[in-house]
Full PDB file with SEQRES, HELIX, SHEET, SSBOND, CRYST1, ORIGX, SCALE, CONECT and MASTER records, all heavy atoms in Angstrom:
SEQRES   1 A   32  GLY GLY LEU VAL GLN ALA GLY GLY SER LEU ARG LEU SER          
SEQRES   2 A   32  CYS ALA ALA SER GLY ARG PRO PHE SER ASN TYR ALA MET          
SEQRES   3 A   32  GLY TRP PHE ARG GLN ALA                                      
HELIX    1 AA1 PHE A   21  ASN A   23  5                                   3    
CRYST1    1.000    1.000    1.000  90.00  90.00  90.00 P 1           1          
ORIGX1      1.000000  0.000000  0.000000        0.00000                         
ORIGX2      0.000000  1.000000  0.000000        0.00000                         
ORIGX3      0.000000  0.000000  1.000000        0.00000                         
SCALE1      1.000000  0.000000  0.000000        0.00000                         
SCALE2      0.000000  1.000000  0.000000        0.00000                         
SCALE3      0.000000  0.000000  1.000000        0.00000                         
ATOM      1  N   GLY A   1      13.304  -1.635 -52.925  1.00  0.00           N  
ATOM      2  CA  GLY A   1      14.071  -0.719 -52.141  1.00  0.00           C  
ATOM      3  C   GLY A   1      13.253  -0.185 -51.014  1.00  0.00           C  
ATOM      4  O   GLY A   1      12.088  -0.399 -50.740  1.00  0.00           O  
ATOM      5  N   GLY A   2      14.072   0.636 -50.200  1.00  0.00           N  
ATOM      6  CA  GLY A   2      13.363   1.181 -48.973  1.00  0.00           C  
ATOM      7  C   GLY A   2      14.388   1.739 -47.989  1.00  0.00           C  
ATOM      8  O   GLY A   2      15.559   1.811 -48.310  1.00  0.00           O  
ATOM      9  N   LEU A   3      13.916   1.953 -46.784  1.00  0.00           N  
ATOM     10  CA  LEU A   3      14.749   2.487 -45.653  1.00  0.00           C  
ATOM     11  C   LEU A   3      15.042   1.265 -44.730  1.00  0.00           C  
ATOM     12  O   LEU A   3      14.079   0.639 -44.352  1.00  0.00           O  
ATOM     13  CB  LEU A   3      14.016   3.580 -44.922  1.00  0.00           C  
ATOM     14  CG  LEU A   3      14.617   4.182 -43.660  1.00  0.00           C  
ATOM     15  CD1 LEU A   3      15.934   4.777 -44.028  1.00  0.00           C  
ATOM     16  CD2 LEU A   3      13.680   5.137 -43.023  1.00  0.00           C  
ATOM     17  N   VAL A   4      16.271   1.148 -44.373  1.00  0.00           N  
ATOM     18  CA  VAL A   4      16.702   0.031 -43.465  1.00  0.00           C  
ATOM     19  C   VAL A   4      17.814   0.548 -42.549  1.00  0.00           C  
ATOM     20  O   VAL A   4      18.530   1.419 -43.041  1.00  0.00           O  
ATOM     21  CB  VAL A   4      17.175  -1.172 -44.275  1.00  0.00           C  
ATOM     22  CG1 VAL A   4      18.368  -0.803 -45.066  1.00  0.00           C  
ATOM     23  CG2 VAL A   4      17.363  -2.374 -43.388  1.00  0.00           C  
ATOM     24  N   GLN A   5      17.950   0.122 -41.392  1.00  0.00           N  
ATOM     25  CA  GLN A   5      18.973   0.397 -40.518  1.00  0.00           C  
ATOM     26  C   GLN A   5      20.270  -0.388 -40.864  1.00  0.00           C  
ATOM     27  O   GLN A   5      20.220  -1.380 -41.482  1.00  0.00           O  
ATOM     28  CB  GLN A   5      18.651   0.016 -39.085  1.00  0.00           C  
ATOM     29  CG  GLN A   5      17.455   0.930 -38.439  1.00  0.00           C  
ATOM     30  CD  GLN A   5      17.362   0.713 -36.971  1.00  0.00           C  
ATOM     31  OE1 GLN A   5      17.640  -0.397 -36.527  1.00  0.00           O  
ATOM     32  NE2 GLN A   5      16.850   1.660 -36.274  1.00  0.00           N  
ATOM     33  N   ALA A   6      21.313   0.311 -40.530  1.00  0.00           N  
ATOM     34  CA  ALA A   6      22.672  -0.372 -40.766  1.00  0.00           C  
ATOM     35  C   ALA A   6      22.685  -1.743 -40.120  1.00  0.00           C  
ATOM     36  O   ALA A   6      22.208  -1.824 -39.021  1.00  0.00           O  
ATOM     37  CB  ALA A   6      23.692   0.540 -40.129  1.00  0.00           C  
ATOM     38  N   GLY A   7      23.241  -2.702 -40.883  1.00  0.00           N  
ATOM     39  CA  GLY A   7      23.238  -4.125 -40.455  1.00  0.00           C  
ATOM     40  C   GLY A   7      22.097  -4.900 -40.962  1.00  0.00           C  
ATOM     41  O   GLY A   7      22.106  -6.069 -40.821  1.00  0.00           O  
ATOM     42  N   GLY A   8      21.081  -4.173 -41.496  1.00  0.00           N  
ATOM     43  CA  GLY A   8      19.893  -4.932 -41.958  1.00  0.00           C  
ATOM     44  C   GLY A   8      20.021  -5.448 -43.385  1.00  0.00           C  
ATOM     45  O   GLY A   8      21.199  -5.445 -43.948  1.00  0.00           O  
ATOM     46  N   SER A   9      18.998  -5.963 -43.894  1.00  0.00           N  
ATOM     47  CA  SER A   9      19.009  -6.623 -45.256  1.00  0.00           C  
ATOM     48  C   SER A   9      17.810  -6.159 -46.023  1.00  0.00           C  
ATOM     49  O   SER A   9      16.794  -5.698 -45.463  1.00  0.00           O  
ATOM     50  CB  SER A   9      18.854  -8.192 -45.070  1.00  0.00           C  
ATOM     51  OG  SER A   9      19.935  -8.688 -44.317  1.00  0.00           O  
ATOM     52  N   LEU A  10      18.002  -6.176 -47.313  1.00  0.00           N  
ATOM     53  CA  LEU A  10      16.914  -5.809 -48.305  1.00  0.00           C  
ATOM     54  C   LEU A  10      17.155  -6.795 -49.494  1.00  0.00           C  
ATOM     55  O   LEU A  10      18.263  -7.218 -49.708  1.00  0.00           O  
ATOM     56  CB  LEU A  10      17.022  -4.500 -48.817  1.00  0.00           C  
ATOM     57  CG  LEU A  10      16.414  -3.389 -47.982  1.00  0.00           C  
ATOM     58  CD1 LEU A  10      16.606  -1.954 -48.636  1.00  0.00           C  
ATOM     59  CD2 LEU A  10      14.986  -3.548 -47.766  1.00  0.00           C  
ATOM     60  N   ARG A  11      16.070  -7.238 -50.210  1.00  0.00           N  
ATOM     61  CA  ARG A  11      16.249  -7.910 -51.419  1.00  0.00           C  
ATOM     62  C   ARG A  11      15.549  -7.055 -52.546  1.00  0.00           C  
ATOM     63  O   ARG A  11      14.336  -6.745 -52.486  1.00  0.00           O  
ATOM     64  CB  ARG A  11      15.605  -9.246 -51.330  1.00  0.00           C  
ATOM     65  CG  ARG A  11      15.895 -10.171 -52.650  1.00  0.00           C  
ATOM     66  CD  ARG A  11      15.342 -11.545 -52.569  1.00  0.00           C  
ATOM     67  NE  ARG A  11      13.951 -11.615 -52.915  1.00  0.00           N  
ATOM     68  CZ  ARG A  11      13.316 -12.646 -53.404  1.00  0.00           C  
ATOM     69  NH1 ARG A  11      14.071 -13.768 -53.581  1.00  0.00           N  
ATOM     70  NH2 ARG A  11      12.014 -12.620 -53.718  1.00  0.00           N  
ATOM     71  N   LEU A  12      16.434  -6.772 -53.517  1.00  0.00           N  
ATOM     72  CA  LEU A  12      15.852  -6.023 -54.632  1.00  0.00           C  
ATOM     73  C   LEU A  12      15.455  -7.074 -55.739  1.00  0.00           C  
ATOM     74  O   LEU A  12      16.139  -8.107 -55.907  1.00  0.00           O  
ATOM     75  CB  LEU A  12      16.894  -5.128 -55.257  1.00  0.00           C  
ATOM     76  CG  LEU A  12      17.493  -4.078 -54.229  1.00  0.00           C  
ATOM     77  CD1 LEU A  12      18.375  -3.115 -55.012  1.00  0.00           C  
ATOM     78  CD2 LEU A  12      16.368  -3.276 -53.572  1.00  0.00           C  
ATOM     79  N   SER A  13      14.468  -6.734 -56.550  1.00  0.00           N  
ATOM     80  CA  SER A  13      14.058  -7.558 -57.644  1.00  0.00           C  
ATOM     81  C   SER A  13      13.990  -6.668 -58.904  1.00  0.00           C  
ATOM     82  O   SER A  13      13.782  -5.510 -58.778  1.00  0.00           O  
ATOM     83  CB  SER A  13      12.600  -8.206 -57.286  1.00  0.00           C  
ATOM     84  OG  SER A  13      12.583  -8.917 -56.209  1.00  0.00           O  
ATOM     85  N   CYS A  14      14.185  -7.297 -60.021  1.00  0.00           N  
ATOM     86  CA  CYS A  14      14.065  -6.596 -61.284  1.00  0.00           C  
ATOM     87  C   CYS A  14      13.400  -7.517 -62.303  1.00  0.00           C  
ATOM     88  O   CYS A  14      13.901  -8.620 -62.581  1.00  0.00           O  
ATOM     89  CB  CYS A  14      15.510  -6.185 -61.831  1.00  0.00           C  
ATOM     90  SG  CYS A  14      15.452  -5.517 -63.444  1.00  0.00           S  
ATOM     91  N   ALA A  15      12.159  -7.118 -62.583  1.00  0.00           N  
ATOM     92  CA  ALA A  15      11.334  -8.005 -63.501  1.00  0.00           C  
ATOM     93  C   ALA A  15      11.525  -7.444 -64.910  1.00  0.00           C  
ATOM     94  O   ALA A  15      11.415  -6.229 -65.238  1.00  0.00           O  
ATOM     95  CB  ALA A  15       9.898  -7.813 -63.112  1.00  0.00           C  
ATOM     96  N   ALA A  16      11.750  -8.388 -65.803  1.00  0.00           N  
ATOM     97  CA  ALA A  16      11.955  -8.077 -67.271  1.00  0.00           C  
ATOM     98  C   ALA A  16      10.803  -8.515 -68.175  1.00  0.00           C  
ATOM     99  O   ALA A  16      10.277  -9.566 -67.893  1.00  0.00           O  
ATOM    100  CB  ALA A  16      13.253  -8.674 -67.729  1.00  0.00           C  
ATOM    101  N   SER A  17      10.651  -7.712 -69.132  1.00  0.00           N  
ATOM    102  CA  SER A  17       9.518  -8.173 -70.164  1.00  0.00           C  
ATOM    103  C   SER A  17       9.975  -7.627 -71.519  1.00  0.00           C  
ATOM    104  O   SER A  17      10.826  -6.708 -71.663  1.00  0.00           O  
ATOM    105  CB  SER A  17       8.212  -7.542 -69.745  1.00  0.00           C  
ATOM    106  OG  SER A  17       8.276  -6.118 -69.773  1.00  0.00           O  
ATOM    107  N   GLY A  18       9.427  -8.324 -72.500  1.00  0.00           N  
ATOM    108  CA  GLY A  18       9.612  -7.920 -73.897  1.00  0.00           C  
ATOM    109  C   GLY A  18      10.479  -8.735 -74.794  1.00  0.00           C  
ATOM    110  O   GLY A  18      10.244  -8.714 -75.954  1.00  0.00           O  
ATOM    111  N   ARG A  19      11.397  -9.321 -74.167  1.00  0.00           N  
ATOM    112  CA  ARG A  19      12.341 -10.291 -74.903  1.00  0.00           C  
ATOM    113  C   ARG A  19      12.722 -11.425 -74.134  1.00  0.00           C  
ATOM    114  O   ARG A  19      12.578 -11.407 -72.861  1.00  0.00           O  
ATOM    115  CB  ARG A  19      13.587  -9.609 -75.359  1.00  0.00           C  
ATOM    116  CG  ARG A  19      13.429  -8.479 -76.322  1.00  0.00           C  
ATOM    117  CD  ARG A  19      13.095  -9.043 -77.701  1.00  0.00           C  
ATOM    118  NE  ARG A  19      13.020  -8.021 -78.789  1.00  0.00           N  
ATOM    119  CZ  ARG A  19      12.635  -8.177 -80.036  1.00  0.00           C  
ATOM    120  NH1 ARG A  19      12.449  -9.372 -80.453  1.00  0.00           N  
ATOM    121  NH2 ARG A  19      12.761  -7.179 -80.955  1.00  0.00           N  
ATOM    122  N   PRO A  20      13.163 -12.562 -74.671  1.00  0.00           N  
ATOM    123  CA  PRO A  20      13.550 -13.783 -73.823  1.00  0.00           C  
ATOM    124  C   PRO A  20      14.641 -13.294 -72.833  1.00  0.00           C  
ATOM    125  O   PRO A  20      15.636 -12.967 -73.194  1.00  0.00           O  
ATOM    126  CB  PRO A  20      14.111 -14.755 -74.941  1.00  0.00           C  
ATOM    127  CG  PRO A  20      13.281 -14.384 -76.223  1.00  0.00           C  
ATOM    128  CD  PRO A  20      13.147 -12.885 -76.111  1.00  0.00           C  
ATOM    129  N   PHE A  21      14.277 -13.443 -71.635  1.00  0.00           N  
ATOM    130  CA  PHE A  21      15.095 -13.031 -70.531  1.00  0.00           C  
ATOM    131  C   PHE A  21      16.486 -13.704 -70.566  1.00  0.00           C  
ATOM    132  O   PHE A  21      17.472 -13.130 -70.255  1.00  0.00           O  
ATOM    133  CB  PHE A  21      14.360 -13.334 -69.182  1.00  0.00           C  
ATOM    134  CG  PHE A  21      15.124 -12.751 -68.047  1.00  0.00           C  
ATOM    135  CD1 PHE A  21      15.392 -11.487 -67.812  1.00  0.00           C  
ATOM    136  CD2 PHE A  21      15.524 -13.732 -67.103  1.00  0.00           C  
ATOM    137  CE1 PHE A  21      16.015 -11.053 -66.680  1.00  0.00           C  
ATOM    138  CE2 PHE A  21      16.170 -13.286 -65.906  1.00  0.00           C  
ATOM    139  CZ  PHE A  21      16.366 -11.949 -65.667  1.00  0.00           C  
ATOM    140  N   SER A  22      16.477 -15.001 -70.957  1.00  0.00           N  
ATOM    141  CA  SER A  22      17.667 -15.745 -70.929  1.00  0.00           C  
ATOM    142  C   SER A  22      18.650 -15.372 -71.910  1.00  0.00           C  
ATOM    143  O   SER A  22      19.835 -15.894 -72.058  1.00  0.00           O  
ATOM    144  CB  SER A  22      17.275 -17.273 -71.069  1.00  0.00           C  
ATOM    145  OG  SER A  22      16.705 -17.462 -72.242  1.00  0.00           O  
ATOM    146  N   ASN A  23      18.300 -14.434 -72.836  1.00  0.00           N  
ATOM    147  CA  ASN A  23      19.226 -13.860 -73.872  1.00  0.00           C  
ATOM    148  C   ASN A  23      20.194 -12.827 -73.275  1.00  0.00           C  
ATOM    149  O   ASN A  23      21.011 -12.289 -74.007  1.00  0.00           O  
ATOM    150  CB  ASN A  23      18.534 -13.266 -75.058  1.00  0.00           C  
ATOM    151  CG  ASN A  23      17.921 -14.382 -75.962  1.00  0.00           C  
ATOM    152  OD1 ASN A  23      18.201 -15.607 -75.738  1.00  0.00           O  
ATOM    153  ND2 ASN A  23      17.103 -14.001 -76.876  1.00  0.00           N  
ATOM    154  N   TYR A  24      19.912 -12.376 -72.034  1.00  0.00           N  
ATOM    155  CA  TYR A  24      20.554 -11.224 -71.554  1.00  0.00           C  
ATOM    156  C   TYR A  24      21.368 -11.625 -70.204  1.00  0.00           C  
ATOM    157  O   TYR A  24      20.856 -12.236 -69.281  1.00  0.00           O  
ATOM    158  CB  TYR A  24      19.497 -10.152 -71.093  1.00  0.00           C  
ATOM    159  CG  TYR A  24      18.876  -9.618 -72.291  1.00  0.00           C  
ATOM    160  CD1 TYR A  24      17.642 -10.290 -72.839  1.00  0.00           C  
ATOM    161  CD2 TYR A  24      19.357  -8.520 -72.982  1.00  0.00           C  
ATOM    162  CE1 TYR A  24      16.966  -9.733 -73.938  1.00  0.00           C  
ATOM    163  CE2 TYR A  24      18.594  -8.040 -74.070  1.00  0.00           C  
ATOM    164  CZ  TYR A  24      17.487  -8.627 -74.633  1.00  0.00           C  
ATOM    165  OH  TYR A  24      16.881  -8.186 -75.704  1.00  0.00           O  
ATOM    166  N   ALA A  25      22.616 -11.135 -70.161  1.00  0.00           N  
ATOM    167  CA  ALA A  25      23.274 -11.015 -68.930  1.00  0.00           C  
ATOM    168  C   ALA A  25      22.710  -9.882 -68.255  1.00  0.00           C  
ATOM    169  O   ALA A  25      22.259  -8.912 -68.793  1.00  0.00           O  
ATOM    170  CB  ALA A  25      24.831 -10.920 -69.153  1.00  0.00           C  
ATOM    171  N   MET A  26      22.706  -9.917 -66.897  1.00  0.00           N  
ATOM    172  CA  MET A  26      22.092  -8.857 -66.068  1.00  0.00           C  
ATOM    173  C   MET A  26      23.122  -8.280 -64.988  1.00  0.00           C  
ATOM    174  O   MET A  26      24.035  -8.950 -64.656  1.00  0.00           O  
ATOM    175  CB  MET A  26      20.889  -9.463 -65.321  1.00  0.00           C  
ATOM    176  CG  MET A  26      19.877 -10.012 -66.193  1.00  0.00           C  
ATOM    177  SD  MET A  26      19.013  -8.807 -67.284  1.00  0.00           S  
ATOM    178  CE  MET A  26      18.283  -7.794 -66.080  1.00  0.00           C  
ATOM    179  N   GLY A  27      22.820  -7.116 -64.736  1.00  0.00           N  
ATOM    180  CA  GLY A  27      23.799  -6.486 -63.743  1.00  0.00           C  
ATOM    181  C   GLY A  27      22.939  -5.489 -62.806  1.00  0.00           C  
ATOM    182  O   GLY A  27      21.877  -5.076 -63.225  1.00  0.00           O  
ATOM    183  N   TRP A  28      23.496  -5.159 -61.813  1.00  0.00           N  
ATOM    184  CA  TRP A  28      23.017  -4.042 -60.882  1.00  0.00           C  
ATOM    185  C   TRP A  28      24.134  -3.062 -60.794  1.00  0.00           C  
ATOM    186  O   TRP A  28      25.313  -3.335 -60.572  1.00  0.00           O  
ATOM    187  CB  TRP A  28      22.776  -4.681 -59.395  1.00  0.00           C  
ATOM    188  CG  TRP A  28      21.545  -5.494 -59.409  1.00  0.00           C  
ATOM    189  CD1 TRP A  28      21.432  -6.833 -59.441  1.00  0.00           C  
ATOM    190  CD2 TRP A  28      20.095  -5.097 -59.169  1.00  0.00           C  
ATOM    191  NE1 TRP A  28      20.117  -7.339 -59.322  1.00  0.00           N  
ATOM    192  CE2 TRP A  28      19.437  -6.162 -59.210  1.00  0.00           C  
ATOM    193  CE3 TRP A  28      19.580  -3.852 -59.019  1.00  0.00           C  
ATOM    194  CZ2 TRP A  28      17.998  -6.088 -59.028  1.00  0.00           C  
ATOM    195  CZ3 TRP A  28      18.250  -3.687 -58.926  1.00  0.00           C  
ATOM    196  CH2 TRP A  28      17.340  -4.859 -58.847  1.00  0.00           C  
ATOM    197  N   PHE A  29      23.635  -1.874 -60.713  1.00  0.00           N  
ATOM    198  CA  PHE A  29      24.545  -0.603 -60.575  1.00  0.00           C  
ATOM    199  C   PHE A  29      23.856   0.260 -59.491  1.00  0.00           C  
ATOM    200  O   PHE A  29      22.656   0.130 -59.233  1.00  0.00           O  
ATOM    201  CB  PHE A  29      24.684   0.132 -61.815  1.00  0.00           C  
ATOM    202  CG  PHE A  29      25.578  -0.522 -62.850  1.00  0.00           C  
ATOM    203  CD1 PHE A  29      24.997  -1.595 -63.569  1.00  0.00           C  
ATOM    204  CD2 PHE A  29      26.768  -0.102 -63.160  1.00  0.00           C  
ATOM    205  CE1 PHE A  29      25.880  -2.294 -64.519  1.00  0.00           C  
ATOM    206  CE2 PHE A  29      27.688  -0.675 -64.107  1.00  0.00           C  
ATOM    207  CZ  PHE A  29      27.142  -1.835 -64.835  1.00  0.00           C  
ATOM    208  N   ARG A  30      24.625   1.172 -59.028  1.00  0.00           N  
ATOM    209  CA  ARG A  30      24.040   2.122 -57.995  1.00  0.00           C  
ATOM    210  C   ARG A  30      24.647   3.499 -58.200  1.00  0.00           C  
ATOM    211  O   ARG A  30      25.765   3.677 -58.661  1.00  0.00           O  
ATOM    212  CB  ARG A  30      24.161   1.582 -56.620  1.00  0.00           C  
ATOM    213  CG  ARG A  30      25.658   1.530 -56.083  1.00  0.00           C  
ATOM    214  CD  ARG A  30      25.720   0.973 -54.722  1.00  0.00           C  
ATOM    215  NE  ARG A  30      27.078   0.935 -54.287  1.00  0.00           N  
ATOM    216  CZ  ARG A  30      27.451   0.379 -52.999  1.00  0.00           C  
ATOM    217  NH1 ARG A  30      26.475  -0.296 -52.306  1.00  0.00           N  
ATOM    218  NH2 ARG A  30      28.655   0.264 -52.628  1.00  0.00           N  
ATOM    219  N   GLN A  31      23.856   4.512 -57.841  1.00  0.00           N  
ATOM    220  CA  GLN A  31      24.257   5.849 -58.015  1.00  0.00           C  
ATOM    221  C   GLN A  31      23.862   6.700 -56.771  1.00  0.00           C  
ATOM    222  O   GLN A  31      22.677   6.778 -56.474  1.00  0.00           O  
ATOM    223  CB  GLN A  31      23.800   6.458 -59.184  1.00  0.00           C  
ATOM    224  CG  GLN A  31      24.272   7.893 -59.511  1.00  0.00           C  
ATOM    225  CD  GLN A  31      23.961   8.352 -60.985  1.00  0.00           C  
ATOM    226  OE1 GLN A  31      22.960   7.803 -61.599  1.00  0.00           O  
ATOM    227  NE2 GLN A  31      24.739   9.250 -61.431  1.00  0.00           N  
ATOM    228  N   ALA A  32      24.838   7.105 -56.050  1.00  0.00           N  
ATOM    229  CA  ALA A  32      24.570   7.977 -54.813  1.00  0.00           C  
ATOM    230  C   ALA A  32      24.570   9.494 -55.301  1.00  0.00           C  
ATOM    231  O   ALA A  32      25.204   9.769 -56.382  1.00  0.00           O  
ATOM    232  CB  ALA A  32      25.728   7.807 -53.851  1.00  0.00           C  
TER     233      ALA A  32                                                      
MASTER        0    0    0    1    0    0    0    6  232    1    0    3          
END                                                                             
């Protein structure tokens, strides 16, 4: 995450640990 101007791009990453990652469907949510 970070600060970006309108029209720009960002790439978010989410690293998982603790269980086999392939056992999980994944999602992104946001809250303003």
